[in-house]
Amino acid sequence: MSLLIRKYKSVAGMMQEERIDDPDRIDRYMRIFDKDDIKKLETGVKVFIEKDEWQLLP
């Protein structure tokens, strides 16, 4: 089962981490990435979109 990790800064300025393990939610989030980012995520590399950090773990 894959795990998608999202690190972001909340409105209050604190760093938050969201761990997504639901396959349906992971599929929905993967639609926001372009092909190059998806290839990076599949190899475990961290991807940054605006201020959010994303990482996919197998």
N, C-alpha and C. Protein backbone atom coordinates (compact mmCIF):
# COMPACT_ATOMS: atom_id res chain seq x y z
N MET A 1 0.84 -1.18 0.00
CA MET A 1 0.00 0.00 0.00
C MET A 1 0.89 1.24 0.00
N SER A 2 0.56 2.18 -0.85
CA SER A 2 1.33 3.42 -0.95
C SER A 2 0.88 4.43 0.10
N LEU A 3 1.78 5.35 0.37
CA LEU A 3 1.50 6.42 1.32
C LEU A 3 1.95 7.73 0.70
N LEU A 4 1.04 8.69 0.60
CA LEU A 4 1.35 10.00 0.06
C LEU A 4 1.45 10.97 1.23
N ILE A 5 2.59 11.63 1.35
CA ILE A 5 2.82 12.56 2.45
C ILE A 5 2.82 13.98 1.90
N ARG A 6 2.04 14.83 2.54
CA ARG A 6 1.96 16.25 2.17
C ARG A 6 2.36 17.08 3.36
N LYS A 7 3.37 17.92 3.18
CA LYS A 7 3.80 18.85 4.23
C LYS A 7 3.48 20.25 3.76
N TYR A 8 2.82 21.00 4.62
CA TYR A 8 2.41 22.35 4.26
C TYR A 8 2.37 23.23 5.50
N LYS A 9 2.35 24.53 5.28
CA LYS A 9 2.28 25.48 6.37
C LYS A 9 0.82 25.90 6.55
N SER A 10 0.30 25.77 7.76
CA SER A 10 -1.09 26.14 8.04
C SER A 10 -1.24 27.66 8.06
N VAL A 11 -2.48 28.10 8.14
CA VAL A 11 -2.77 29.52 8.18
C VAL A 11 -2.11 30.18 9.39
N ALA A 12 -2.00 29.44 10.49
CA ALA A 12 -1.38 29.97 11.71
C ALA A 12 0.15 29.99 11.62
N GLY A 13 0.70 29.44 10.54
CA GLY A 13 2.14 29.46 10.34
C GLY A 13 2.87 28.23 10.83
N MET A 14 2.14 27.24 11.31
CA MET A 14 2.77 26.01 11.80
C MET A 14 2.87 25.00 10.67
N MET A 15 3.96 24.23 10.65
CA MET A 15 4.11 23.18 9.65
C MET A 15 3.19 22.02 10.01
N GLN A 16 2.47 21.54 9.02
CA GLN A 16 1.54 20.43 9.19
C GLN A 16 1.98 19.30 8.25
N GLU A 17 1.64 18.08 8.64
CA GLU A 17 1.93 16.93 7.80
C GLU A 17 0.66 16.10 7.68
N GLU A 18 0.30 15.77 6.46
CA GLU A 18 -0.87 14.94 6.20
C GLU A 18 -0.39 13.65 5.56
N ARG A 19 -0.80 12.52 6.13
CA ARG A 19 -0.44 11.21 5.58
C ARG A 19 -1.69 10.61 4.96
N ILE A 20 -1.62 10.37 3.66
CA ILE A 20 -2.77 9.88 2.91
C ILE A 20 -2.49 8.45 2.49
N ASP A 21 -3.31 7.51 2.98
CA ASP A 21 -3.10 6.11 2.63
C ASP A 21 -4.29 5.50 1.89
N ASP A 22 -5.34 6.28 1.69
CA ASP A 22 -6.51 5.81 0.96
C ASP A 22 -6.20 5.85 -0.54
N PRO A 23 -6.26 4.70 -1.24
CA PRO A 23 -5.90 4.67 -2.67
C PRO A 23 -6.74 5.62 -3.53
N ASP A 24 -8.01 5.79 -3.21
CA ASP A 24 -8.86 6.70 -3.99
C ASP A 24 -8.40 8.15 -3.84
N ARG A 25 -8.06 8.55 -2.63
CA ARG A 25 -7.57 9.92 -2.40
C ARG A 25 -6.22 10.13 -3.07
N ILE A 26 -5.36 9.12 -3.03
CA ILE A 26 -4.05 9.23 -3.69
C ILE A 26 -4.25 9.44 -5.18
N ASP A 27 -5.17 8.67 -5.79
CA ASP A 27 -5.43 8.82 -7.22
C ASP A 27 -5.94 10.22 -7.55
N ARG A 28 -6.81 10.77 -6.70
CA ARG A 28 -7.32 12.12 -6.94
C ARG A 28 -6.20 13.16 -6.84
N TYR A 29 -5.33 13.02 -5.85
CA TYR A 29 -4.23 13.97 -5.71
C TYR A 29 -3.22 13.85 -6.84
N MET A 30 -3.03 12.66 -7.37
CA MET A 30 -2.04 12.46 -8.44
C MET A 30 -2.45 13.21 -9.71
N ARG A 31 -3.72 13.56 -9.84
CA ARG A 31 -4.18 14.30 -11.03
C ARG A 31 -3.66 15.73 -11.07
N ILE A 32 -3.22 16.27 -9.94
CA ILE A 32 -2.74 17.66 -9.93
C ILE A 32 -1.29 17.77 -10.40
N PHE A 33 -0.60 16.64 -10.52
CA PHE A 33 0.81 16.65 -10.92
C PHE A 33 0.93 16.46 -12.42
N ASP A 34 2.00 17.04 -13.00
CA ASP A 34 2.26 16.77 -14.41
C ASP A 34 3.08 15.48 -14.53
N LYS A 35 3.34 15.05 -15.75
CA LYS A 35 4.00 13.75 -15.98
C LYS A 35 5.37 13.68 -15.33
N ASP A 36 6.14 14.75 -15.42
CA ASP A 36 7.49 14.74 -14.84
C ASP A 36 7.43 14.59 -13.33
N ASP A 37 6.48 15.30 -12.71
CA ASP A 37 6.34 15.20 -11.25
C ASP A 37 5.90 13.81 -10.83
N ILE A 38 5.03 13.18 -11.59
CA ILE A 38 4.57 11.83 -11.27
C ILE A 38 5.75 10.85 -11.32
N LYS A 39 6.62 11.00 -12.32
CA LYS A 39 7.79 10.13 -12.42
C LYS A 39 8.69 10.31 -11.20
N LYS A 40 8.86 11.56 -10.76
CA LYS A 40 9.68 11.82 -9.57
C LYS A 40 9.05 11.21 -8.33
N LEU A 41 7.73 11.38 -8.19
CA LEU A 41 7.04 10.83 -7.02
C LEU A 41 7.15 9.31 -6.97
N GLU A 42 7.04 8.67 -8.13
CA GLU A 42 7.11 7.20 -8.17
C GLU A 42 8.48 6.68 -7.77
N THR A 43 9.52 7.50 -7.90
CA THR A 43 10.86 7.08 -7.47
C THR A 43 11.16 7.49 -6.03
N GLY A 44 10.20 8.18 -5.37
CA GLY A 44 10.37 8.56 -3.98
C GLY A 44 10.96 9.94 -3.76
N VAL A 45 11.15 10.70 -4.84
CA VAL A 45 11.70 12.04 -4.74
C VAL A 45 10.60 13.00 -4.28
N LYS A 46 10.98 13.99 -3.47
CA LYS A 46 10.03 14.99 -3.01
C LYS A 46 9.73 15.97 -4.14
N VAL A 47 8.46 16.34 -4.26
CA VAL A 47 8.02 17.28 -5.28
C VAL A 47 7.38 18.47 -4.58
N PHE A 48 7.68 19.67 -5.07
CA PHE A 48 7.13 20.88 -4.49
C PHE A 48 6.15 21.52 -5.46
N ILE A 49 4.95 21.80 -4.98
CA ILE A 49 3.95 22.55 -5.73
C ILE A 49 3.61 23.75 -4.88
N GLU A 50 3.93 24.92 -5.40
CA GLU A 50 3.83 26.17 -4.65
C GLU A 50 4.58 26.00 -3.33
N LYS A 51 3.90 25.99 -2.20
CA LYS A 51 4.58 25.89 -0.91
C LYS A 51 4.42 24.51 -0.28
N ASP A 52 3.73 23.59 -0.96
CA ASP A 52 3.50 22.27 -0.41
C ASP A 52 4.58 21.30 -0.88
N GLU A 53 4.98 20.41 0.02
CA GLU A 53 5.95 19.37 -0.30
C GLU A 53 5.23 18.03 -0.33
N TRP A 54 5.39 17.28 -1.41
CA TRP A 54 4.72 16.01 -1.58
C TRP A 54 5.76 14.91 -1.72
N GLN A 55 5.46 13.72 -1.15
CA GLN A 55 6.33 12.57 -1.31
C GLN A 55 5.48 11.32 -1.31
N LEU A 56 5.75 10.42 -2.24
CA LEU A 56 5.02 9.15 -2.34
C LEU A 56 5.96 8.04 -1.89
N LEU A 57 5.52 7.29 -0.89
CA LEU A 57 6.29 6.16 -0.39
C LEU A 57 5.58 4.86 -0.75
N PRO A 58 6.34 3.87 -1.24
CA PRO A 58 5.71 2.60 -1.62
C PRO A 58 5.18 1.82 -0.43
